Amino acid sequence: MTPHIEANKEDIAKTVIMPGDPLRAKFIAENYLEDAKLVNQVRGMFAYTGMYKDHRVTVMGSGMGMPSIGIYSYELYKEYDVDQIIRIGTAGAYTKDLNLYDLLLVQKCFSESSYGRSQNGSEEMMKESDFSLNFHIQEAASELGKHLTIATIHSSDVFYKENDNFQELYQKYGCLACEMESFALFHNAKVLGKKAACLLTISDNLVTKEETTSIERQTALKDMIELALETVLKL
């Protein structure tokens, strides 16, 4: 056990699917997994381990922001010997060319965050996901007939900005959308020699001002959830 996870080591699978919202983890476990067992509820951060088509998988919330996913992903990789984490989450689009519910596979993420510098002195502002894990996600997407946009995104420390410079980030770094966790996840995976990937569903668009409700975000992410789970079958 760790300060933040009460599960025994054998309770956590080698592959973890990690939504931000612990209630989304609960939703996935109850609707997609067989013999799902609640293995963590410290601070309400639910984790469930069960079977998806005869493959063992853990679904666990990460909370919001880099400090939160930084803690949980580090402990899962380091203390629970998890091999790969697939983050699934929502993102705000930085371009009118992305529609609500479009699926993104994050290849790179840019961030101004000090997470890497604080964690191990890294000055990198661009982090990459795992190539082999992304290959399996694309393979599963092709078999399911789901369209993926391969993307560079912005991973931000701040949700409410007084002066939002998203158009500059889109132009300068090619960031198609924004979320708040993948930079820390990718950093931890690199530090510990593990694998990480990130699937995102567009939940709002900063250009067109379209947005979804919290209820829609919790339950209407079927394509992303199924793609992540089908990827597990290939690992």
Foldseek 3Di string as FASTA:
>chain_A
DDPAFQADLVQADLEEEEEADQVLQVVCCVPAFPPWDFRGQRVHFTKIWGDGPNFIYIYTHQHAFAVRVLVVLLCCVPVNVRFEYEYEYAWAFLDPVDDFFAKEKEAKEFEPDCLLCVPPNDPDRMFGFDPVLVVLLVVLCVVVVHDYDYFYAYAYRDDDDPDDPSVVCCVPVVHGIYGHHVVSNRSSCVVSVHGYIYMYGYAAYPVVGDGDDPVCRSPVNVVRSVSVSSSSVVD
